[in-house]
Amino acid sequence: MSTVAHRHPVPDHQVDEPTRTADATYPPLARLLAPRAVDVGLLVRPSEVGGRVAYGDLVRRGALVEVWDGVAAPARVPHTPTLRALAVRDLVPTRTVLAGAGAAWVLCGGRRPDRLDVLYPPGSHRPAPLPGRVPRQATVLRSETELVAGVLVTAPRRTALDVATRCDRATALEILRLLRSTRALDVAGALRSLELRFRWPGRERAREVLDLLLAEDAPPG
């Protein structure tokens, strides 16, 4: 005859710590509010911290810093190209390329753009427009791209051409100066590349912006 053992409830103060946190939401709120170390690459979305109200409260309190709409990182996490690329990865479909101000932001940081220009090749499916994303058909050579955390972005020289063409002059110069200082953009090389693109839309506008930038490097007199 077998004997059935009756198990009594264990008081809360006797529960081991792993048991208490086994079902906790990741990342734990306490970790966000008082991080003890840098967690490189950690991104947080509203669903992971109890919804949009809790998420917004954490952003307002400075525990989270928003990287992109609805995607944030703990305050101590450094904002690197990898982190920025991961934040927008879901908005850049496979076989498309992030270009223009969005590419410059991923590569260099600086002011976050209002939208992402996503280039898709001729003859391929046009991605659906989404808030914060604008699809545009264009040909981009593989040599004109870089892969950042799984996101294909235009390399600095091609990024410079798109920025000089599609951004207003003041914004374009701000972005291009950042590309020059952080990614060693060769402005003269970008101008030469532009001159070889005989069918480049907005060529005169891009040339004017790049000429202004190049003049900043010219010695006085």
N, C-alpha and C. Protein backbone atom coordinates (compact mmCIF):
# COMPACT_ATOMS: atom_id res chain seq x y z
N MET A 1 0.86 -1.19 0.00
CA MET A 1 0.00 0.00 0.00
C MET A 1 0.90 1.23 0.00
N SER A 2 0.64 2.12 -0.90
CA SER A 2 1.48 3.32 -1.02
C SER A 2 0.95 4.42 -0.12
N THR A 3 1.83 5.25 0.28
CA THR A 3 1.46 6.38 1.13
C THR A 3 1.60 7.66 0.33
N VAL A 4 0.58 8.50 0.35
CA VAL A 4 0.61 9.77 -0.38
C VAL A 4 1.09 10.86 0.55
N ALA A 5 2.14 11.50 0.16
CA ALA A 5 2.67 12.59 1.00
C ALA A 5 1.94 13.87 0.70
N HIS A 6 1.51 14.56 1.73
CA HIS A 6 0.81 15.84 1.55
C HIS A 6 1.83 16.97 1.60
N ARG A 7 1.82 17.83 0.56
CA ARG A 7 2.78 18.92 0.48
C ARG A 7 2.12 20.19 0.98
N HIS A 8 2.77 20.86 1.87
CA HIS A 8 2.24 22.09 2.43
C HIS A 8 2.79 23.28 1.67
N PRO A 9 2.01 24.36 1.55
CA PRO A 9 2.51 25.56 0.85
C PRO A 9 3.77 26.09 1.50
N VAL A 10 4.67 26.55 0.67
CA VAL A 10 5.92 27.12 1.17
C VAL A 10 5.73 28.61 1.35
N PRO A 11 6.02 29.15 2.52
CA PRO A 11 5.88 30.60 2.73
C PRO A 11 6.71 31.37 1.72
N ASP A 12 6.23 32.59 1.42
CA ASP A 12 6.91 33.39 0.40
C ASP A 12 8.37 33.63 0.74
N HIS A 13 8.66 33.82 2.07
CA HIS A 13 10.04 34.16 2.40
C HIS A 13 10.99 33.00 2.22
N GLN A 14 10.45 31.76 2.01
CA GLN A 14 11.31 30.60 1.81
C GLN A 14 11.47 30.23 0.35
N VAL A 15 10.81 30.95 -0.55
CA VAL A 15 10.90 30.61 -1.97
C VAL A 15 12.24 31.07 -2.51
N ASP A 16 12.92 30.17 -3.22
CA ASP A 16 14.21 30.53 -3.80
C ASP A 16 14.03 31.63 -4.82
N GLU A 17 15.05 32.47 -5.01
CA GLU A 17 14.98 33.59 -5.94
C GLU A 17 14.71 33.15 -7.37
N PRO A 18 15.35 32.06 -7.90
CA PRO A 18 15.05 31.64 -9.27
C PRO A 18 13.58 31.32 -9.45
N THR A 19 12.95 30.72 -8.41
CA THR A 19 11.54 30.39 -8.54
C THR A 19 10.69 31.65 -8.60
N ARG A 20 11.08 32.67 -7.84
CA ARG A 20 10.30 33.90 -7.79
C ARG A 20 10.36 34.64 -9.12
N THR A 21 11.45 34.48 -9.87
CA THR A 21 11.61 35.26 -11.09
C THR A 21 11.45 34.44 -12.35
N ALA A 22 11.05 33.18 -12.21
CA ALA A 22 11.00 32.31 -13.38
C ALA A 22 10.03 32.82 -14.42
N ASP A 23 8.91 33.40 -13.97
CA ASP A 23 7.90 33.86 -14.92
C ASP A 23 7.93 35.37 -15.10
N ALA A 24 8.99 36.02 -14.65
CA ALA A 24 9.05 37.47 -14.74
C ALA A 24 9.16 37.91 -16.19
N THR A 25 8.60 39.07 -16.46
CA THR A 25 8.69 39.63 -17.81
C THR A 25 10.13 40.04 -18.09
N TYR A 26 10.61 39.73 -19.27
CA TYR A 26 11.97 40.13 -19.66
C TYR A 26 11.88 41.34 -20.58
N PRO A 27 12.68 42.38 -20.33
CA PRO A 27 13.63 42.52 -19.24
C PRO A 27 12.95 42.99 -17.96
N PRO A 28 13.40 42.57 -16.77
CA PRO A 28 12.77 42.99 -15.53
C PRO A 28 12.77 44.50 -15.38
N LEU A 29 11.68 45.06 -14.88
CA LEU A 29 11.60 46.51 -14.73
C LEU A 29 12.68 47.04 -13.80
N ALA A 30 13.00 46.28 -12.76
CA ALA A 30 14.03 46.74 -11.83
C ALA A 30 15.37 46.92 -12.54
N ARG A 31 15.63 46.08 -13.51
CA ARG A 31 16.89 46.16 -14.26
C ARG A 31 16.92 47.42 -15.12
N LEU A 32 15.75 47.83 -15.63
CA LEU A 32 15.70 49.04 -16.44
C LEU A 32 15.81 50.29 -15.58
N LEU A 33 15.18 50.26 -14.41
CA LEU A 33 15.17 51.43 -13.55
C LEU A 33 16.52 51.66 -12.87
N ALA A 34 17.23 50.59 -12.58
CA ALA A 34 18.53 50.71 -11.92
C ALA A 34 19.51 49.71 -12.50
N PRO A 35 19.90 49.88 -13.76
CA PRO A 35 20.81 48.92 -14.39
C PRO A 35 22.16 48.92 -13.69
N ARG A 36 22.70 47.72 -13.48
CA ARG A 36 23.98 47.59 -12.79
C ARG A 36 25.15 47.51 -13.75
N ALA A 37 24.87 47.25 -15.02
CA ALA A 37 25.94 47.13 -16.00
C ALA A 37 25.37 47.46 -17.37
N VAL A 38 26.25 47.71 -18.32
CA VAL A 38 25.81 48.01 -19.68
C VAL A 38 25.39 46.72 -20.37
N ASP A 39 24.19 46.74 -20.95
CA ASP A 39 23.70 45.58 -21.69
C ASP A 39 23.71 45.95 -23.17
N VAL A 40 24.78 45.66 -23.86
CA VAL A 40 24.93 46.07 -25.25
C VAL A 40 23.94 45.30 -26.12
N GLY A 41 23.21 46.06 -26.94
CA GLY A 41 22.31 45.44 -27.89
C GLY A 41 20.91 45.19 -27.36
N LEU A 42 20.65 45.51 -26.09
CA LEU A 42 19.33 45.25 -25.53
C LEU A 42 18.35 46.29 -26.03
N LEU A 43 17.25 45.83 -26.63
CA LEU A 43 16.18 46.71 -27.08
C LEU A 43 14.89 46.33 -26.39
N VAL A 44 14.07 47.31 -26.12
CA VAL A 44 12.85 47.11 -25.36
C VAL A 44 11.67 47.68 -26.15
N ARG A 45 10.59 46.89 -26.22
CA ARG A 45 9.36 47.32 -26.88
C ARG A 45 8.24 47.38 -25.85
N PRO A 46 7.16 48.12 -26.13
CA PRO A 46 6.08 48.25 -25.15
C PRO A 46 5.56 46.93 -24.62
N SER A 47 5.42 45.92 -25.48
CA SER A 47 4.87 44.64 -25.05
C SER A 47 5.74 43.95 -24.01
N GLU A 48 7.00 44.34 -23.92
CA GLU A 48 7.94 43.69 -23.01
C GLU A 48 7.99 44.34 -21.63
N VAL A 49 7.33 45.47 -21.49
CA VAL A 49 7.36 46.17 -20.19
C VAL A 49 5.96 46.50 -19.69
N GLY A 50 4.96 45.77 -20.18
CA GLY A 50 3.62 45.96 -19.66
C GLY A 50 2.72 46.86 -20.46
N GLY A 51 3.11 47.20 -21.70
CA GLY A 51 2.24 48.00 -22.55
C GLY A 51 2.76 49.41 -22.77
N ARG A 52 2.02 50.17 -23.58
CA ARG A 52 2.48 51.50 -24.00
C ARG A 52 2.52 52.50 -22.85
N VAL A 53 1.59 52.39 -21.91
CA VAL A 53 1.58 53.33 -20.80
C VAL A 53 2.84 53.16 -19.95
N ALA A 54 3.17 51.91 -19.61
CA ALA A 54 4.37 51.64 -18.82
C ALA A 54 5.63 52.03 -19.60
N TYR A 55 5.63 51.72 -20.89
CA TYR A 55 6.76 52.07 -21.76
C TYR A 55 6.97 53.60 -21.77
N GLY A 56 5.89 54.34 -21.99
CA GLY A 56 6.00 55.80 -22.01
C GLY A 56 6.48 56.35 -20.69
N ASP A 57 6.05 55.74 -19.58
CA ASP A 57 6.48 56.20 -18.26
C ASP A 57 7.98 55.97 -18.08
N LEU A 58 8.48 54.82 -18.54
CA LEU A 58 9.91 54.54 -18.43
C LEU A 58 10.73 55.51 -19.28
N VAL A 59 10.21 55.88 -20.44
CA VAL A 59 10.91 56.86 -21.28
C VAL A 59 10.92 58.22 -20.59
N ARG A 60 9.79 58.64 -20.05
CA ARG A 60 9.72 59.94 -19.37
C ARG A 60 10.63 60.01 -18.14
N ARG A 61 10.77 58.90 -17.45
CA ARG A 61 11.60 58.85 -16.25
C ARG A 61 13.09 58.72 -16.58
N GLY A 62 13.40 58.52 -17.85
CA GLY A 62 14.80 58.43 -18.26
C GLY A 62 15.40 57.05 -18.13
N ALA A 63 14.60 56.06 -17.74
CA ALA A 63 15.12 54.70 -17.65
C ALA A 63 15.36 54.12 -19.03
N LEU A 64 14.51 54.51 -19.98
CA LEU A 64 14.65 54.09 -21.37
C LEU A 64 14.88 55.31 -22.24
N VAL A 65 15.66 55.13 -23.30
CA VAL A 65 15.86 56.16 -24.31
C VAL A 65 15.35 55.60 -25.63
N GLU A 66 14.39 56.29 -26.23
CA GLU A 66 13.80 55.77 -27.45
C GLU A 66 14.79 55.87 -28.61
N VAL A 67 14.96 54.78 -29.31
CA VAL A 67 15.85 54.74 -30.47
C VAL A 67 15.06 55.01 -31.74
N TRP A 68 13.92 54.33 -31.87
CA TRP A 68 12.97 54.55 -32.95
C TRP A 68 11.58 54.46 -32.33
N ASP A 69 10.55 54.84 -33.09
CA ASP A 69 9.20 54.82 -32.54
C ASP A 69 8.85 53.43 -32.00
N GLY A 70 8.56 53.36 -30.70
CA GLY A 70 8.18 52.09 -30.11
C GLY A 70 9.33 51.13 -29.86
N VAL A 71 10.55 51.61 -29.99
CA VAL A 71 11.74 50.78 -29.72
C VAL A 71 12.73 51.61 -28.92
N ALA A 72 13.08 51.13 -27.73
CA ALA A 72 13.96 51.90 -26.86
C ALA A 72 15.07 51.01 -26.32
N ALA A 73 16.04 51.65 -25.67
CA ALA A 73 17.13 50.93 -25.02
C ALA A 73 17.31 51.51 -23.63
N PRO A 74 17.75 50.70 -22.66
CA PRO A 74 18.08 51.25 -21.35
C PRO A 74 19.07 52.40 -21.46
N ALA A 75 18.97 53.34 -20.55
CA ALA A 75 19.72 54.59 -20.66
C ALA A 75 21.22 54.39 -20.78
N ARG A 76 21.75 53.32 -20.17
CA ARG A 76 23.20 53.12 -20.18
C ARG A 76 23.71 52.38 -21.42
N VAL A 77 22.83 51.93 -22.26
CA VAL A 77 23.27 51.21 -23.46
C VAL A 77 23.76 52.22 -24.50
N PRO A 78 24.98 52.08 -25.00
CA PRO A 78 25.48 53.03 -26.02
C PRO A 78 24.73 52.87 -27.34
N HIS A 79 24.45 54.00 -27.97
CA HIS A 79 23.74 53.99 -29.25
C HIS A 79 24.77 53.86 -30.37
N THR A 80 24.91 52.66 -30.85
CA THR A 80 25.89 52.33 -31.88
C THR A 80 25.16 52.09 -33.20
N PRO A 81 25.90 52.01 -34.33
CA PRO A 81 25.25 51.64 -35.59
C PRO A 81 24.48 50.32 -35.48
N THR A 82 25.03 49.36 -34.77
CA THR A 82 24.34 48.08 -34.60
C THR A 82 23.01 48.26 -33.90
N LEU A 83 22.99 49.04 -32.81
CA LEU A 83 21.75 49.25 -32.07
C LEU A 83 20.71 49.95 -32.93
N ARG A 84 21.13 50.99 -33.67
CA ARG A 84 20.18 51.72 -34.52
C ARG A 84 19.65 50.84 -35.64
N ALA A 85 20.52 50.03 -36.23
CA ALA A 85 20.07 49.13 -37.29
C ALA A 85 19.07 48.11 -36.76
N LEU A 86 19.33 47.56 -35.59
CA LEU A 86 18.41 46.59 -35.00
C LEU A 86 17.06 47.23 -34.70
N ALA A 87 17.07 48.50 -34.33
CA ALA A 87 15.82 49.19 -33.98
C ALA A 87 14.90 49.35 -35.18
N VAL A 88 15.46 49.44 -36.39
CA VAL A 88 14.62 49.65 -37.58
C VAL A 88 14.62 48.43 -38.51
N ARG A 89 15.20 47.33 -38.06
CA ARG A 89 15.35 46.18 -38.95
C ARG A 89 14.02 45.69 -39.52
N ASP A 90 12.97 45.74 -38.73
CA ASP A 90 11.68 45.25 -39.20
C ASP A 90 11.07 46.13 -40.28
N LEU A 91 11.59 47.34 -40.45
CA LEU A 91 11.06 48.26 -41.46
C LEU A 91 11.82 48.18 -42.78
N VAL A 92 12.90 47.39 -42.81
CA VAL A 92 13.71 47.28 -44.03
C VAL A 92 13.61 45.84 -44.53
N PRO A 93 12.71 45.57 -45.48
CA PRO A 93 12.51 44.19 -45.94
C PRO A 93 13.74 43.62 -46.63
N THR A 94 13.78 42.32 -46.71
CA THR A 94 14.84 41.63 -47.44
C THR A 94 14.88 42.12 -48.89
N ARG A 95 16.07 42.25 -49.42
CA ARG A 95 16.32 42.69 -50.81
C ARG A 95 16.00 44.17 -51.02
N THR A 96 15.85 44.93 -49.94
CA THR A 96 15.75 46.38 -50.06
C THR A 96 16.95 47.00 -49.33
N VAL A 97 17.16 48.29 -49.57
CA VAL A 97 18.31 48.99 -49.01
C VAL A 97 17.83 50.27 -48.32
N LEU A 98 18.28 50.47 -47.11
CA LEU A 98 17.99 51.71 -46.41
C LEU A 98 18.92 52.79 -46.95
N ALA A 99 18.36 53.94 -47.34
CA ALA A 99 19.15 54.97 -48.01
C ALA A 99 18.93 56.33 -47.37
N GLY A 100 19.63 57.33 -47.92
CA GLY A 100 19.41 58.71 -47.54
C GLY A 100 19.67 59.01 -46.08
N ALA A 101 18.83 59.88 -45.50
CA ALA A 101 19.02 60.32 -44.12
C ALA A 101 18.95 59.16 -43.15
N GLY A 102 18.11 58.15 -43.45
CA GLY A 102 18.01 56.99 -42.58
C GLY A 102 19.31 56.19 -42.55
N ALA A 103 19.93 56.02 -43.71
CA ALA A 103 21.21 55.32 -43.77
C ALA A 103 22.29 56.09 -43.02
N ALA A 104 22.31 57.42 -43.20
CA ALA A 104 23.29 58.24 -42.50
C ALA A 104 23.11 58.14 -40.99
N TRP A 105 21.86 58.11 -40.55
CA TRP A 105 21.57 57.99 -39.11
C TRP A 105 22.06 56.65 -38.56
N VAL A 106 21.83 55.58 -39.29
CA VAL A 106 22.32 54.27 -38.83
C VAL A 106 23.84 54.28 -38.77
N LEU A 107 24.48 54.84 -39.78
CA LEU A 107 25.94 54.82 -39.85
C LEU A 107 26.61 55.74 -38.83
N CYS A 108 25.99 56.92 -38.60
CA CYS A 108 26.69 57.97 -37.85
C CYS A 108 25.95 58.48 -36.62
N GLY A 109 24.67 58.21 -36.50
CA GLY A 109 23.90 58.81 -35.42
C GLY A 109 23.43 60.20 -35.82
N GLY A 110 23.43 61.11 -34.86
CA GLY A 110 22.93 62.46 -35.15
C GLY A 110 21.42 62.53 -35.04
N ARG A 111 20.85 63.53 -35.70
CA ARG A 111 19.41 63.73 -35.63
C ARG A 111 18.67 62.58 -36.31
N ARG A 112 17.69 62.04 -35.60
CA ARG A 112 16.92 60.93 -36.15
C ARG A 112 15.98 61.44 -37.24
N PRO A 113 15.94 60.78 -38.39
CA PRO A 113 15.06 61.24 -39.47
C PRO A 113 13.59 60.97 -39.15
N ASP A 114 12.71 61.71 -39.83
CA ASP A 114 11.27 61.50 -39.64
C ASP A 114 10.79 60.24 -40.34
N ARG A 115 11.53 59.81 -41.36
CA ARG A 115 11.10 58.65 -42.14
C ARG A 115 12.33 57.89 -42.63
N LEU A 116 12.07 56.69 -43.10
CA LEU A 116 13.13 55.87 -43.67
C LEU A 116 12.85 55.68 -45.16
N ASP A 117 13.82 56.04 -45.99
CA ASP A 117 13.72 55.78 -47.43
C ASP A 117 14.26 54.38 -47.69
N VAL A 118 13.38 53.51 -48.16
CA VAL A 118 13.75 52.12 -48.42
C VAL A 118 13.72 51.91 -49.93
N LEU A 119 14.87 51.58 -50.50
CA LEU A 119 14.98 51.42 -51.95
C LEU A 119 14.77 49.97 -52.35
N TYR A 120 13.94 49.77 -53.36
CA TYR A 120 13.74 48.42 -53.89
C TYR A 120 14.09 48.43 -55.37
N PRO A 121 14.66 47.35 -55.90
CA PRO A 121 15.15 47.34 -57.28
C PRO A 121 14.02 47.28 -58.29
N PRO A 122 14.25 47.82 -59.49
CA PRO A 122 13.24 47.73 -60.55
C PRO A 122 12.87 46.27 -60.83
N GLY A 123 11.60 46.04 -61.07
CA GLY A 123 11.12 44.70 -61.38
C GLY A 123 10.79 43.87 -60.17
N SER A 124 11.02 44.39 -58.96
CA SER A 124 10.71 43.65 -57.75
C SER A 124 9.45 44.20 -57.09
N HIS A 125 8.98 43.50 -56.09
CA HIS A 125 7.76 43.89 -55.38
C HIS A 125 7.98 45.17 -54.58
N ARG A 126 7.06 46.09 -54.69
CA ARG A 126 7.15 47.35 -53.94
C ARG A 126 6.66 47.14 -52.51
N PRO A 127 7.51 47.39 -51.52
CA PRO A 127 7.05 47.23 -50.13
C PRO A 127 5.88 48.15 -49.82
N ALA A 128 5.00 47.71 -48.98
CA ALA A 128 3.85 48.52 -48.60
C ALA A 128 4.30 49.73 -47.79
N PRO A 129 3.69 50.88 -48.02
CA PRO A 129 4.01 52.04 -47.18
C PRO A 129 3.57 51.78 -45.74
N LEU A 130 4.40 52.17 -44.81
CA LEU A 130 4.10 52.05 -43.39
C LEU A 130 4.44 53.37 -42.71
N PRO A 131 3.86 53.63 -41.56
CA PRO A 131 4.25 54.84 -40.83
C PRO A 131 5.76 54.86 -40.60
N GLY A 132 6.40 55.92 -41.05
CA GLY A 132 7.84 56.03 -40.88
C GLY A 132 8.66 55.39 -41.98
N ARG A 133 8.01 54.82 -43.00
CA ARG A 133 8.75 54.17 -44.08
C ARG A 133 8.19 54.60 -45.43
N VAL A 134 9.08 54.99 -46.33
CA VAL A 134 8.68 55.38 -47.69
C VAL A 134 9.46 54.53 -48.68
N PRO A 135 8.80 53.62 -49.42
CA PRO A 135 9.51 52.82 -50.42
C PRO A 135 9.76 53.64 -51.69
N ARG A 136 10.92 53.43 -52.30
CA ARG A 136 11.27 54.16 -53.52
C ARG A 136 12.06 53.23 -54.42
N GLN A 137 11.72 53.21 -55.70
CA GLN A 137 12.42 52.33 -56.63
C GLN A 137 13.72 52.97 -57.08
N ALA A 138 14.80 52.21 -57.02
CA ALA A 138 16.10 52.72 -57.43
C ALA A 138 17.07 51.55 -57.58
N THR A 139 18.07 51.75 -58.41
CA THR A 139 19.12 50.75 -58.58
C THR A 139 20.28 51.09 -57.66
N VAL A 140 20.70 50.13 -56.88
CA VAL A 140 21.85 50.31 -55.99
C VAL A 140 22.81 49.16 -56.22
N LEU A 141 24.05 49.47 -56.52
CA LEU A 141 25.06 48.44 -56.72
C LEU A 141 25.45 47.82 -55.38
N ARG A 142 25.80 46.55 -55.41
CA ARG A 142 26.22 45.89 -54.18
C ARG A 142 27.42 46.60 -53.56
N SER A 143 28.30 47.12 -54.39
CA SER A 143 29.49 47.83 -53.88
C SER A 143 29.13 49.14 -53.19
N GLU A 144 27.89 49.58 -53.35
CA GLU A 144 27.45 50.83 -52.73
C GLU A 144 26.71 50.59 -51.42
N THR A 145 26.80 49.39 -50.88
CA THR A 145 26.05 49.06 -49.67
C THR A 145 26.97 48.53 -48.57
N GLU A 146 26.45 48.57 -47.36
CA GLU A 146 27.10 47.95 -46.20
C GLU A 146 26.02 47.18 -45.44
N LEU A 147 26.43 46.11 -44.79
CA LEU A 147 25.51 45.32 -43.97
C LEU A 147 25.78 45.66 -42.51
N VAL A 148 24.76 46.18 -41.85
CA VAL A 148 24.87 46.55 -40.44
C VAL A 148 23.81 45.78 -39.67
N ALA A 149 24.24 44.84 -38.87
CA ALA A 149 23.32 44.03 -38.04
C ALA A 149 22.19 43.43 -38.87
N GLY A 150 22.53 42.96 -40.05
CA GLY A 150 21.54 42.32 -40.91
C GLY A 150 20.74 43.27 -41.76
N VAL A 151 20.98 44.57 -41.64
CA VAL A 151 20.25 45.58 -42.42
C VAL A 151 21.18 46.11 -43.50
N LEU A 152 20.72 46.07 -44.75
CA LEU A 152 21.52 46.59 -45.85
C LEU A 152 21.29 48.10 -45.94
N VAL A 153 22.37 48.87 -45.83
CA VAL A 153 22.28 50.34 -45.92
C VAL A 153 23.25 50.81 -46.99
N THR A 154 22.98 51.97 -47.55
CA THR A 154 23.90 52.53 -48.53
C THR A 154 25.18 52.97 -47.84
N ALA A 155 26.30 52.75 -48.51
CA ALA A 155 27.61 53.15 -48.00
C ALA A 155 27.72 54.68 -48.02
N PRO A 156 28.70 55.25 -47.30
CA PRO A 156 28.77 56.71 -47.16
C PRO A 156 28.69 57.51 -48.45
N ARG A 157 29.41 57.10 -49.51
CA ARG A 157 29.41 57.91 -50.73
C ARG A 157 28.04 57.91 -51.38
N ARG A 158 27.40 56.75 -51.50
CA ARG A 158 26.06 56.71 -52.09
C ARG A 158 25.05 57.42 -51.17
N THR A 159 25.23 57.26 -49.87
CA THR A 159 24.36 57.97 -48.92
C THR A 159 24.46 59.47 -49.13
N ALA A 160 25.68 59.95 -49.35
CA ALA A 160 25.88 61.39 -49.55
C ALA A 160 25.13 61.88 -50.78
N LEU A 161 25.14 61.10 -51.85
CA LEU A 161 24.43 61.51 -53.07
C LEU A 161 22.93 61.61 -52.81
N ASP A 162 22.37 60.62 -52.12
CA ASP A 162 20.93 60.64 -51.85
C ASP A 162 20.56 61.80 -50.92
N VAL A 163 21.38 62.02 -49.90
CA VAL A 163 21.10 63.11 -48.97
C VAL A 163 21.19 64.46 -49.67
N ALA A 164 22.23 64.66 -50.47
CA ALA A 164 22.41 65.93 -51.18
C ALA A 164 21.27 66.19 -52.16
N THR A 165 20.66 65.13 -52.65
CA THR A 165 19.60 65.26 -53.64
C THR A 165 18.24 65.48 -53.00
N ARG A 166 17.94 64.77 -51.92
CA ARG A 166 16.58 64.70 -51.42
C ARG A 166 16.30 65.50 -50.15
N CYS A 167 17.33 65.95 -49.46
CA CYS A 167 17.13 66.74 -48.25
C CYS A 167 17.27 68.24 -48.58
N ASP A 168 16.62 69.07 -47.76
CA ASP A 168 16.83 70.50 -47.95
C ASP A 168 18.29 70.83 -47.64
N ARG A 169 18.74 71.98 -48.14
CA ARG A 169 20.17 72.28 -48.11
C ARG A 169 20.75 72.26 -46.69
N ALA A 170 20.08 72.90 -45.74
CA ALA A 170 20.62 72.98 -44.38
C ALA A 170 20.72 71.58 -43.75
N THR A 171 19.67 70.77 -43.93
CA THR A 171 19.68 69.42 -43.38
C THR A 171 20.74 68.57 -44.05
N ALA A 172 20.84 68.70 -45.38
CA ALA A 172 21.83 67.92 -46.13
C ALA A 172 23.24 68.24 -45.65
N LEU A 173 23.55 69.52 -45.49
CA LEU A 173 24.90 69.89 -45.06
C LEU A 173 25.19 69.37 -43.64
N GLU A 174 24.20 69.42 -42.77
CA GLU A 174 24.38 68.90 -41.41
C GLU A 174 24.71 67.41 -41.44
N ILE A 175 23.96 66.65 -42.23
CA ILE A 175 24.18 65.20 -42.31
C ILE A 175 25.52 64.89 -42.98
N LEU A 176 25.83 65.62 -44.04
CA LEU A 176 27.07 65.34 -44.77
C LEU A 176 28.31 65.68 -43.93
N ARG A 177 28.23 66.73 -43.12
CA ARG A 177 29.35 67.05 -42.24
C ARG A 177 29.58 65.91 -41.24
N LEU A 178 28.47 65.33 -40.77
CA LEU A 178 28.60 64.21 -39.83
C LEU A 178 29.21 63.00 -40.52
N LEU A 179 28.79 62.73 -41.76
CA LEU A 179 29.38 61.64 -42.53
C LEU A 179 30.87 61.87 -42.75
N ARG A 180 31.23 63.11 -42.99
CA ARG A 180 32.64 63.44 -43.24
C ARG A 180 33.48 63.26 -41.97
N SER A 181 32.92 63.66 -40.81
CA SER A 181 33.71 63.60 -39.57
C SER A 181 33.76 62.20 -38.97
N THR A 182 32.67 61.43 -39.12
CA THR A 182 32.64 60.11 -38.46
C THR A 182 32.96 58.96 -39.39
N ARG A 183 32.71 59.14 -40.69
CA ARG A 183 32.97 58.06 -41.64
C ARG A 183 33.95 58.46 -42.75
N ALA A 184 34.64 59.56 -42.55
CA ALA A 184 35.67 60.02 -43.49
C ALA A 184 35.14 60.11 -44.92
N LEU A 185 33.95 60.68 -45.06
CA LEU A 185 33.37 60.84 -46.40
C LEU A 185 34.32 61.63 -47.30
N ASP A 186 34.61 61.09 -48.46
CA ASP A 186 35.42 61.75 -49.48
C ASP A 186 34.48 62.59 -50.34
N VAL A 187 34.40 63.88 -50.05
CA VAL A 187 33.44 64.75 -50.74
C VAL A 187 33.80 64.88 -52.22
N ALA A 188 35.08 65.04 -52.51
CA ALA A 188 35.50 65.13 -53.91
C ALA A 188 35.16 63.84 -54.65
N GLY A 189 35.34 62.70 -53.99
CA GLY A 189 34.98 61.42 -54.61
C GLY A 189 33.49 61.31 -54.84
N ALA A 190 32.68 61.84 -53.93
CA ALA A 190 31.24 61.83 -54.13
C ALA A 190 30.85 62.69 -55.32
N LEU A 191 31.52 63.82 -55.48
CA LEU A 191 31.26 64.68 -56.65
C LEU A 191 31.62 63.98 -57.95
N ARG A 192 32.76 63.29 -57.96
CA ARG A 192 33.14 62.56 -59.16
C ARG A 192 32.12 61.47 -59.48
N SER A 193 31.66 60.79 -58.45
CA SER A 193 30.65 59.75 -58.65
C SER A 193 29.37 60.35 -59.22
N LEU A 194 29.00 61.53 -58.74
CA LEU A 194 27.80 62.19 -59.26
C LEU A 194 27.95 62.53 -60.74
N GLU A 195 29.11 63.02 -61.14
CA GLU A 195 29.33 63.41 -62.54
C GLU A 195 29.25 62.21 -63.48
N LEU A 196 29.51 61.02 -62.99
CA LEU A 196 29.43 59.82 -63.83
C LEU A 196 28.01 59.29 -63.97
N ARG A 197 27.08 59.84 -63.20
CA ARG A 197 25.68 59.38 -63.22
C ARG A 197 24.87 60.37 -64.06
N PHE A 198 24.89 60.15 -65.35
CA PHE A 198 24.31 61.12 -66.26
C PHE A 198 22.80 61.23 -66.12
N ARG A 199 22.15 60.19 -65.62
CA ARG A 199 20.69 60.22 -65.49
C ARG A 199 20.24 60.39 -64.04
N TRP A 200 21.12 60.87 -63.20
CA TRP A 200 20.77 61.02 -61.79
C TRP A 200 19.73 62.13 -61.61
N PRO A 201 18.55 61.83 -61.07
CA PRO A 201 17.54 62.88 -60.87
C PRO A 201 18.02 63.88 -59.82
N GLY A 202 17.83 65.17 -60.08
CA GLY A 202 18.25 66.18 -59.12
C GLY A 202 19.75 66.39 -59.08
N ARG A 203 20.38 66.14 -60.20
CA ARG A 203 21.84 66.20 -60.25
C ARG A 203 22.39 67.59 -59.91
N GLU A 204 21.76 68.64 -60.44
CA GLU A 204 22.23 70.00 -60.20
C GLU A 204 22.12 70.36 -58.72
N ARG A 205 21.04 69.97 -58.10
CA ARG A 205 20.85 70.25 -56.68
C ARG A 205 21.91 69.55 -55.84
N ALA A 206 22.15 68.28 -56.15
CA ALA A 206 23.16 67.53 -55.41
C ALA A 206 24.55 68.13 -55.61
N ARG A 207 24.86 68.56 -56.83
CA ARG A 207 26.17 69.15 -57.11
C ARG A 207 26.36 70.44 -56.30
N GLU A 208 25.32 71.24 -56.21
CA GLU A 208 25.41 72.51 -55.46
C GLU A 208 25.73 72.25 -53.99
N VAL A 209 25.04 71.27 -53.40
CA VAL A 209 25.26 70.96 -51.98
C VAL A 209 26.67 70.42 -51.76
N LEU A 210 27.11 69.51 -52.63
CA LEU A 210 28.44 68.93 -52.48
C LEU A 210 29.53 69.96 -52.73
N ASP A 211 29.29 70.90 -53.65
CA ASP A 211 30.26 71.97 -53.89
C ASP A 211 30.42 72.84 -52.63
N LEU A 212 29.30 73.14 -51.97
CA LEU A 212 29.36 73.92 -50.74
C LEU A 212 30.17 73.20 -49.67
N LEU A 213 29.96 71.91 -49.57
CA LEU A 213 30.69 71.12 -48.57
C LEU A 213 32.17 71.06 -48.91
N LEU A 214 32.47 70.90 -50.18
CA LEU A 214 33.87 70.83 -50.61
C LEU A 214 34.58 72.16 -50.36
N ALA A 215 33.85 73.26 -50.52
CA ALA A 215 34.46 74.58 -50.30
C ALA A 215 34.87 74.78 -48.84
N GLU A 216 34.21 74.08 -47.92
CA GLU A 216 34.57 74.20 -46.51
C GLU A 216 35.96 73.63 -46.23
N ASP A 217 36.37 72.71 -47.08
CA ASP A 217 37.70 72.07 -46.90
C ASP A 217 38.81 72.84 -47.60
N ALA A 218 38.42 73.80 -48.46
CA ALA A 218 39.43 74.52 -49.23
C ALA A 218 40.21 75.48 -48.31
N PRO A 219 41.52 75.60 -48.49
CA PRO A 219 42.30 76.52 -47.67
C PRO A 219 41.90 77.97 -47.95
N PRO A 220 41.90 78.85 -46.95
CA PRO A 220 41.51 80.25 -47.17
C PRO A 220 42.47 80.95 -48.12
N GLY A 221 41.90 81.94 -48.85
CA GLY A 221 42.70 82.69 -49.83
C GLY A 221 42.68 82.02 -51.14
